[in-house]
N, C-alpha and C. Protein backbone atom coordinates (compact mmCIF):
# COMPACT_ATOMS: atom_id res chain seq x y z
N MET A 1 33.86 25.42 21.90
CA MET A 1 32.51 25.72 21.44
C MET A 1 31.58 25.69 22.66
N PRO A 2 30.77 26.73 22.88
CA PRO A 2 29.88 26.73 24.03
C PRO A 2 28.85 25.62 23.96
N GLN A 3 28.41 25.18 25.11
CA GLN A 3 27.45 24.07 25.20
C GLN A 3 26.17 24.39 24.45
N ARG A 4 25.70 25.65 24.51
CA ARG A 4 24.46 26.03 23.85
C ARG A 4 24.56 25.81 22.34
N SER A 5 25.70 26.17 21.78
CA SER A 5 25.92 26.00 20.35
C SER A 5 25.92 24.52 19.98
N LYS A 6 26.53 23.68 20.83
CA LYS A 6 26.56 22.25 20.57
C LYS A 6 25.15 21.67 20.55
N GLY A 7 24.30 22.17 21.45
CA GLY A 7 22.91 21.71 21.50
C GLY A 7 22.16 22.09 20.24
N ARG A 8 22.41 23.30 19.75
CA ARG A 8 21.75 23.76 18.52
C ARG A 8 22.20 22.92 17.32
N LYS A 9 23.48 22.61 17.28
CA LYS A 9 23.99 21.81 16.17
C LYS A 9 23.39 20.41 16.21
N ALA A 10 23.35 19.81 17.39
CA ALA A 10 22.77 18.46 17.52
C ALA A 10 21.32 18.47 17.07
N GLU A 11 20.58 19.51 17.42
CA GLU A 11 19.17 19.60 17.02
C GLU A 11 19.06 19.76 15.50
N ALA A 12 19.93 20.56 14.91
CA ALA A 12 19.92 20.73 13.46
C ALA A 12 20.26 19.41 12.76
N LEU A 13 21.24 18.68 13.29
CA LEU A 13 21.58 17.38 12.72
C LEU A 13 20.40 16.42 12.83
N ARG A 14 19.73 16.43 13.96
CA ARG A 14 18.57 15.55 14.16
C ARG A 14 17.47 15.90 13.16
N ARG A 15 17.17 17.18 13.00
CA ARG A 15 16.12 17.62 12.06
C ARG A 15 16.42 17.17 10.64
N ASN A 16 17.70 17.13 10.30
CA ASN A 16 18.11 16.79 8.93
C ASN A 16 18.51 15.33 8.79
N SER A 17 18.14 14.51 9.75
CA SER A 17 18.44 13.07 9.74
C SER A 17 19.93 12.78 9.64
N SER A 18 20.77 13.68 10.15
CA SER A 18 22.22 13.51 10.05
C SER A 18 22.90 13.30 11.39
N LEU A 19 22.13 13.10 12.44
CA LEU A 19 22.72 12.89 13.76
C LEU A 19 23.16 11.44 13.89
N ASN A 20 24.44 11.25 14.14
CA ASN A 20 25.00 9.91 14.30
C ASN A 20 24.42 9.31 15.58
N PRO A 21 23.75 8.16 15.51
CA PRO A 21 23.18 7.57 16.71
C PRO A 21 24.23 7.05 17.70
N HIS A 22 25.47 6.84 17.22
CA HIS A 22 26.52 6.30 18.09
C HIS A 22 27.84 7.06 17.90
N PRO A 23 27.87 8.34 18.24
CA PRO A 23 29.12 9.09 18.05
C PRO A 23 30.25 8.58 18.93
N GLU A 24 29.91 7.93 20.02
CA GLU A 24 30.94 7.41 20.93
C GLU A 24 31.74 6.27 20.29
N ARG A 25 31.24 5.68 19.25
CA ARG A 25 31.95 4.58 18.57
C ARG A 25 33.04 5.08 17.62
N VAL A 26 33.00 6.36 17.28
CA VAL A 26 34.00 6.93 16.37
C VAL A 26 35.31 7.09 17.15
N GLN A 27 36.32 6.31 16.78
CA GLN A 27 37.60 6.32 17.46
C GLN A 27 38.75 6.77 16.56
N ASP A 28 38.43 7.35 15.43
CA ASP A 28 39.45 7.85 14.52
C ASP A 28 40.24 8.94 15.23
N PRO A 29 41.58 8.87 15.18
CA PRO A 29 42.40 9.85 15.90
C PRO A 29 42.10 11.31 15.55
N LEU A 30 41.83 11.60 14.28
CA LEU A 30 41.55 12.99 13.91
C LEU A 30 40.25 13.49 14.53
N PHE A 31 39.24 12.63 14.62
CA PHE A 31 37.99 13.03 15.25
C PHE A 31 38.17 13.26 16.75
N LEU A 32 39.09 12.52 17.34
CA LEU A 32 39.34 12.67 18.76
C LEU A 32 40.19 13.91 19.06
N LYS A 33 40.99 14.34 18.08
CA LYS A 33 41.94 15.42 18.29
C LYS A 33 41.41 16.79 17.86
N HIS A 34 40.62 16.86 16.79
CA HIS A 34 40.21 18.14 16.23
C HIS A 34 38.72 18.41 16.44
N ALA A 35 38.42 19.56 17.00
CA ALA A 35 37.02 19.93 17.28
C ALA A 35 36.23 20.14 15.98
N PHE A 36 36.92 20.47 14.88
CA PHE A 36 36.23 20.68 13.61
C PHE A 36 35.54 19.39 13.14
N LEU A 37 36.14 18.26 13.42
CA LEU A 37 35.57 16.98 13.03
C LEU A 37 34.62 16.53 14.13
N ASP A 38 33.36 16.43 13.79
CA ASP A 38 32.32 16.16 14.78
C ASP A 38 31.76 14.74 14.61
N PRO A 39 32.00 13.85 15.56
CA PRO A 39 31.51 12.47 15.43
C PRO A 39 29.99 12.37 15.47
N ARG A 40 29.30 13.46 15.87
CA ARG A 40 27.83 13.44 15.87
C ARG A 40 27.27 13.63 14.46
N ASP A 41 28.08 14.13 13.53
CA ASP A 41 27.64 14.43 12.17
C ASP A 41 27.93 13.22 11.28
N ILE A 42 26.91 12.41 11.02
CA ILE A 42 27.10 11.15 10.29
C ILE A 42 27.57 11.39 8.85
N VAL A 43 27.20 12.51 8.25
CA VAL A 43 27.66 12.81 6.89
C VAL A 43 29.16 13.03 6.92
N GLN A 44 29.64 13.79 7.88
CA GLN A 44 31.07 14.04 8.01
C GLN A 44 31.82 12.75 8.33
N VAL A 45 31.26 11.93 9.19
CA VAL A 45 31.89 10.65 9.54
C VAL A 45 31.99 9.76 8.30
N ARG A 46 30.93 9.66 7.55
CA ARG A 46 30.96 8.81 6.35
C ARG A 46 31.94 9.34 5.31
N TYR A 47 31.95 10.66 5.11
CA TYR A 47 32.86 11.24 4.13
C TYR A 47 34.31 10.98 4.52
N GLU A 48 34.64 11.25 5.79
CA GLU A 48 36.01 11.02 6.25
C GLU A 48 36.40 9.55 6.16
N MET A 49 35.45 8.67 6.42
CA MET A 49 35.71 7.24 6.32
C MET A 49 36.05 6.88 4.87
N LEU A 50 35.29 7.41 3.92
CA LEU A 50 35.57 7.15 2.50
C LEU A 50 36.93 7.73 2.12
N ARG A 51 37.20 8.95 2.57
CA ARG A 51 38.45 9.63 2.23
C ARG A 51 39.66 8.85 2.73
N ARG A 52 39.56 8.32 3.93
CA ARG A 52 40.69 7.56 4.50
C ARG A 52 41.07 6.39 3.59
N VAL A 53 40.08 5.70 3.08
CA VAL A 53 40.37 4.54 2.23
C VAL A 53 40.83 4.99 0.85
N ARG A 54 40.09 5.93 0.26
CA ARG A 54 40.37 6.32 -1.12
C ARG A 54 41.67 7.11 -1.27
N LEU A 55 41.95 8.03 -0.34
CA LEU A 55 43.13 8.88 -0.50
C LEU A 55 44.33 8.45 0.34
N GLU A 56 44.07 7.83 1.48
CA GLU A 56 45.17 7.45 2.34
C GLU A 56 45.50 5.96 2.27
N GLY A 57 44.66 5.21 1.55
CA GLY A 57 44.95 3.80 1.32
C GLY A 57 44.74 2.88 2.51
N MET A 58 44.00 3.33 3.51
CA MET A 58 43.72 2.46 4.65
C MET A 58 42.79 1.33 4.20
N SER A 59 42.80 0.23 4.92
CA SER A 59 41.92 -0.88 4.57
C SER A 59 40.48 -0.54 4.96
N VAL A 60 39.55 -1.10 4.22
CA VAL A 60 38.13 -0.86 4.49
C VAL A 60 37.78 -1.37 5.88
N SER A 61 38.24 -2.55 6.23
CA SER A 61 37.91 -3.14 7.53
C SER A 61 38.40 -2.27 8.68
N ARG A 62 39.67 -1.86 8.63
CA ARG A 62 40.24 -1.04 9.71
C ARG A 62 39.56 0.32 9.78
N THR A 63 39.31 0.91 8.64
CA THR A 63 38.67 2.22 8.62
C THR A 63 37.26 2.15 9.19
N ALA A 64 36.50 1.18 8.76
CA ALA A 64 35.13 1.03 9.27
C ALA A 64 35.16 0.87 10.79
N GLN A 65 36.10 0.10 11.28
CA GLN A 65 36.22 -0.11 12.72
C GLN A 65 36.53 1.21 13.44
N LEU A 66 37.47 1.99 12.91
CA LEU A 66 37.82 3.28 13.53
C LEU A 66 36.65 4.25 13.56
N PHE A 67 35.77 4.15 12.57
CA PHE A 67 34.66 5.08 12.48
C PHE A 67 33.38 4.53 13.11
N GLY A 68 33.50 3.38 13.76
CA GLY A 68 32.36 2.82 14.48
C GLY A 68 31.27 2.29 13.56
N LEU A 69 31.66 1.95 12.33
CA LEU A 69 30.70 1.46 11.35
C LEU A 69 31.14 0.09 10.85
N THR A 70 30.42 -0.47 9.89
CA THR A 70 30.74 -1.80 9.38
C THR A 70 31.25 -1.71 7.95
N ARG A 71 31.87 -2.79 7.50
CA ARG A 71 32.32 -2.84 6.10
C ARG A 71 31.16 -2.64 5.14
N PRO A 72 30.00 -3.33 5.34
CA PRO A 72 28.89 -3.07 4.42
C PRO A 72 28.45 -1.61 4.41
N THR A 73 28.58 -0.93 5.56
CA THR A 73 28.24 0.49 5.61
C THR A 73 29.22 1.29 4.75
N TRP A 74 30.50 0.93 4.78
CA TRP A 74 31.49 1.62 3.94
C TRP A 74 31.11 1.48 2.47
N TYR A 75 30.79 0.25 2.05
CA TYR A 75 30.45 0.03 0.64
C TYR A 75 29.15 0.75 0.26
N ALA A 76 28.19 0.78 1.16
CA ALA A 76 26.94 1.50 0.90
C ALA A 76 27.21 3.00 0.79
N ALA A 77 28.09 3.52 1.65
CA ALA A 77 28.44 4.94 1.61
C ALA A 77 29.17 5.26 0.30
N ARG A 78 30.03 4.37 -0.12
CA ARG A 78 30.74 4.60 -1.40
C ARG A 78 29.76 4.68 -2.56
N ARG A 79 28.80 3.73 -2.60
CA ARG A 79 27.80 3.76 -3.67
C ARG A 79 26.96 5.04 -3.61
N ALA A 80 26.57 5.42 -2.41
CA ALA A 80 25.75 6.63 -2.24
C ALA A 80 26.53 7.86 -2.67
N TYR A 81 27.81 7.93 -2.33
CA TYR A 81 28.64 9.08 -2.69
C TYR A 81 28.87 9.13 -4.20
N GLU A 82 29.12 7.98 -4.80
CA GLU A 82 29.34 7.94 -6.24
C GLU A 82 28.08 8.31 -7.00
N ALA A 83 26.93 7.97 -6.46
CA ALA A 83 25.66 8.27 -7.14
C ALA A 83 25.19 9.70 -6.90
N GLY A 84 25.46 10.25 -5.70
CA GLY A 84 24.87 11.55 -5.38
C GLY A 84 25.80 12.56 -4.76
N GLY A 85 27.11 12.27 -4.72
CA GLY A 85 28.03 13.22 -4.11
C GLY A 85 27.79 13.32 -2.62
N LEU A 86 28.20 14.44 -2.05
CA LEU A 86 28.05 14.63 -0.61
C LEU A 86 26.60 14.51 -0.15
N PRO A 87 25.61 15.08 -0.87
CA PRO A 87 24.21 14.89 -0.44
C PRO A 87 23.79 13.43 -0.40
N GLY A 88 24.45 12.58 -1.18
CA GLY A 88 24.13 11.16 -1.16
C GLY A 88 24.46 10.49 0.16
N LEU A 89 25.31 11.13 0.97
CA LEU A 89 25.69 10.56 2.27
C LEU A 89 24.68 10.89 3.37
N VAL A 90 23.75 11.80 3.09
CA VAL A 90 22.71 12.12 4.07
C VAL A 90 21.77 10.93 4.17
N PRO A 91 21.57 10.40 5.37
CA PRO A 91 20.68 9.24 5.51
C PRO A 91 19.25 9.56 5.10
N ASP A 92 18.57 8.55 4.58
CA ASP A 92 17.15 8.70 4.28
C ASP A 92 16.39 8.88 5.58
N ARG A 93 15.28 9.58 5.50
CA ARG A 93 14.44 9.73 6.69
C ARG A 93 13.86 8.37 7.04
N PRO A 94 13.73 8.10 8.32
CA PRO A 94 13.17 6.81 8.73
C PRO A 94 11.68 6.74 8.46
N GLY A 95 11.17 5.54 8.43
CA GLY A 95 9.73 5.34 8.27
C GLY A 95 9.36 4.83 6.90
N PRO A 96 8.10 4.51 6.73
CA PRO A 96 7.64 3.97 5.46
C PRO A 96 7.78 4.98 4.32
N ARG A 97 7.97 4.47 3.13
CA ARG A 97 8.16 5.32 1.95
C ARG A 97 6.88 5.49 1.14
N GLY A 98 5.82 4.92 1.58
CA GLY A 98 4.56 5.02 0.86
C GLY A 98 3.50 4.22 1.57
N PRO A 99 2.33 4.15 0.97
CA PRO A 99 1.27 3.40 1.62
C PRO A 99 1.66 1.93 1.76
N ARG A 100 1.38 1.38 2.92
CA ARG A 100 1.76 -0.01 3.16
C ARG A 100 0.58 -0.94 3.02
N LYS A 101 -0.61 -0.45 3.27
CA LYS A 101 -1.78 -1.32 3.25
C LYS A 101 -2.67 -1.06 2.04
N LEU A 102 -2.87 0.19 1.73
CA LEU A 102 -3.78 0.51 0.62
C LEU A 102 -3.00 0.57 -0.69
N ASN A 103 -3.10 -0.50 -1.47
CA ASN A 103 -2.46 -0.50 -2.77
C ASN A 103 -3.39 0.18 -3.79
N GLN A 104 -2.96 0.25 -5.03
CA GLN A 104 -3.75 0.93 -6.06
C GLN A 104 -5.11 0.29 -6.25
N GLU A 105 -5.16 -1.02 -6.15
CA GLU A 105 -6.43 -1.72 -6.31
C GLU A 105 -7.42 -1.32 -5.22
N ALA A 106 -6.94 -1.23 -3.98
CA ALA A 106 -7.82 -0.86 -2.86
C ALA A 106 -8.28 0.59 -2.99
N VAL A 107 -7.40 1.47 -3.42
CA VAL A 107 -7.78 2.88 -3.60
C VAL A 107 -8.81 3.00 -4.72
N ALA A 108 -8.61 2.28 -5.81
CA ALA A 108 -9.60 2.30 -6.90
C ALA A 108 -10.94 1.77 -6.41
N PHE A 109 -10.92 0.74 -5.59
CA PHE A 109 -12.15 0.19 -5.01
C PHE A 109 -12.85 1.25 -4.16
N LEU A 110 -12.10 1.96 -3.34
CA LEU A 110 -12.68 3.00 -2.49
C LEU A 110 -13.28 4.13 -3.32
N ARG A 111 -12.57 4.55 -4.35
CA ARG A 111 -13.08 5.63 -5.21
C ARG A 111 -14.36 5.20 -5.92
N ALA A 112 -14.39 3.95 -6.37
CA ALA A 112 -15.59 3.45 -7.05
C ALA A 112 -16.76 3.37 -6.07
N ALA A 113 -16.50 2.92 -4.85
CA ALA A 113 -17.56 2.83 -3.84
C ALA A 113 -18.09 4.21 -3.50
N ARG A 114 -17.20 5.19 -3.37
CA ARG A 114 -17.61 6.56 -3.05
C ARG A 114 -18.36 7.17 -4.23
N ALA A 115 -17.96 6.87 -5.46
CA ALA A 115 -18.66 7.41 -6.64
C ALA A 115 -20.07 6.82 -6.75
N LYS A 116 -20.17 5.55 -6.43
CA LYS A 116 -21.46 4.87 -6.50
C LYS A 116 -22.39 5.32 -5.38
N GLN A 117 -21.83 5.51 -4.19
CA GLN A 117 -22.62 5.91 -3.02
C GLN A 117 -21.90 7.06 -2.29
N PRO A 118 -22.08 8.30 -2.75
CA PRO A 118 -21.37 9.44 -2.16
C PRO A 118 -21.68 9.67 -0.67
N GLN A 119 -22.78 9.15 -0.20
CA GLN A 119 -23.17 9.35 1.20
C GLN A 119 -22.40 8.45 2.16
N LEU A 120 -21.61 7.50 1.65
CA LEU A 120 -20.85 6.60 2.53
C LEU A 120 -19.89 7.40 3.41
N ARG A 121 -19.92 7.10 4.69
CA ARG A 121 -19.01 7.75 5.63
C ARG A 121 -17.68 6.99 5.63
N THR A 122 -16.67 7.65 6.14
CA THR A 122 -15.33 7.05 6.17
C THR A 122 -15.32 5.74 6.94
N ALA A 123 -16.02 5.69 8.06
CA ALA A 123 -16.06 4.45 8.86
C ALA A 123 -16.66 3.31 8.04
N GLU A 124 -17.64 3.60 7.21
CA GLU A 124 -18.23 2.56 6.37
C GLU A 124 -17.26 2.11 5.28
N LEU A 125 -16.48 3.05 4.76
CA LEU A 125 -15.47 2.70 3.76
C LEU A 125 -14.38 1.82 4.38
N VAL A 126 -14.01 2.11 5.62
CA VAL A 126 -13.04 1.28 6.33
C VAL A 126 -13.55 -0.16 6.41
N GLU A 127 -14.84 -0.31 6.73
CA GLU A 127 -15.42 -1.65 6.82
C GLU A 127 -15.50 -2.34 5.47
N LEU A 128 -15.75 -1.57 4.41
CA LEU A 128 -15.76 -2.15 3.06
C LEU A 128 -14.38 -2.70 2.69
N VAL A 129 -13.34 -1.96 3.03
CA VAL A 129 -11.97 -2.41 2.74
C VAL A 129 -11.67 -3.68 3.53
N ARG A 130 -12.09 -3.71 4.78
CA ARG A 130 -11.87 -4.90 5.61
C ARG A 130 -12.58 -6.11 4.99
N ALA A 131 -13.81 -5.91 4.55
CA ALA A 131 -14.59 -7.02 3.97
C ALA A 131 -14.02 -7.46 2.62
N GLN A 132 -13.64 -6.50 1.79
CA GLN A 132 -13.19 -6.83 0.43
C GLN A 132 -11.76 -7.38 0.39
N PHE A 133 -10.85 -6.76 1.17
CA PHE A 133 -9.43 -7.10 1.07
C PHE A 133 -8.87 -7.79 2.31
N GLY A 134 -9.65 -7.83 3.37
CA GLY A 134 -9.20 -8.49 4.59
C GLY A 134 -8.13 -7.72 5.33
N ILE A 135 -8.08 -6.41 5.15
CA ILE A 135 -7.08 -5.59 5.85
C ILE A 135 -7.78 -4.51 6.67
N GLY A 136 -7.19 -4.20 7.80
CA GLY A 136 -7.70 -3.11 8.63
C GLY A 136 -6.90 -1.86 8.37
N VAL A 137 -7.59 -0.77 8.10
CA VAL A 137 -6.91 0.51 7.88
C VAL A 137 -7.56 1.57 8.76
N HIS A 138 -6.81 2.59 9.05
CA HIS A 138 -7.31 3.70 9.84
C HIS A 138 -8.15 4.61 8.95
N ARG A 139 -9.12 5.28 9.55
CA ARG A 139 -10.00 6.15 8.77
C ARG A 139 -9.22 7.26 8.08
N ARG A 140 -8.14 7.79 8.73
CA ARG A 140 -7.35 8.85 8.10
C ARG A 140 -6.61 8.33 6.86
N THR A 141 -6.23 7.06 6.88
CA THR A 141 -5.58 6.48 5.71
C THR A 141 -6.55 6.49 4.54
N VAL A 142 -7.81 6.14 4.79
CA VAL A 142 -8.84 6.16 3.75
C VAL A 142 -9.08 7.59 3.28
N GLU A 143 -9.18 8.51 4.21
CA GLU A 143 -9.41 9.92 3.84
C GLU A 143 -8.29 10.46 2.98
N ARG A 144 -7.02 10.17 3.36
CA ARG A 144 -5.88 10.65 2.57
C ARG A 144 -5.86 10.01 1.19
N ALA A 145 -6.18 8.72 1.11
CA ALA A 145 -6.17 8.03 -0.18
C ALA A 145 -7.21 8.64 -1.11
N LEU A 146 -8.36 8.94 -0.58
CA LEU A 146 -9.43 9.51 -1.42
C LEU A 146 -9.15 10.96 -1.79
N ALA A 147 -8.42 11.66 -0.93
CA ALA A 147 -8.09 13.06 -1.21
C ALA A 147 -6.84 13.17 -2.08
N GLY A 148 -6.13 12.05 -2.23
CA GLY A 148 -4.90 12.06 -3.05
C GLY A 148 -3.73 12.68 -2.31
N GLU A 149 -3.82 12.80 -0.98
CA GLU A 149 -2.76 13.38 -0.18
C GLU A 149 -1.68 12.35 0.11
N LYS A 150 -0.50 12.88 0.40
CA LYS A 150 0.55 12.01 0.90
C LYS A 150 0.58 12.15 2.40
N LYS A 151 1.01 11.08 3.04
CA LYS A 151 1.11 11.09 4.50
C LYS A 151 2.20 12.04 4.91
């Protein structure tokens, strides 16, 4: 496979959160022997790891070691596969899953303050949140919360 193609594949895997952060840890003989099996593709690595145990009867500990992963990772992959099939093996995107500082109570407070005093600027709303809840938030967080946008 030409180097340019490998770079494109790695970029596609990265965009889809499927790039294995440690492909060098995959020591499974088939991954080392066959170009079709790509240790950079974490979905493929997880699937093959599950297959080795389920169809070939290898031990979970030995298999996890060969694939550069841990036993808990094997069990998590099994649960994910059983719940969602192959797409279940795609890792979740990193980062927060929702607002971390502005809970529903704080957003309701902001909406009420804006309804009562529409002329309030975002910077003033930030200060109101700090005074009322004791938390510091960025002005864009307040703007998104009031607009109902997701980050």
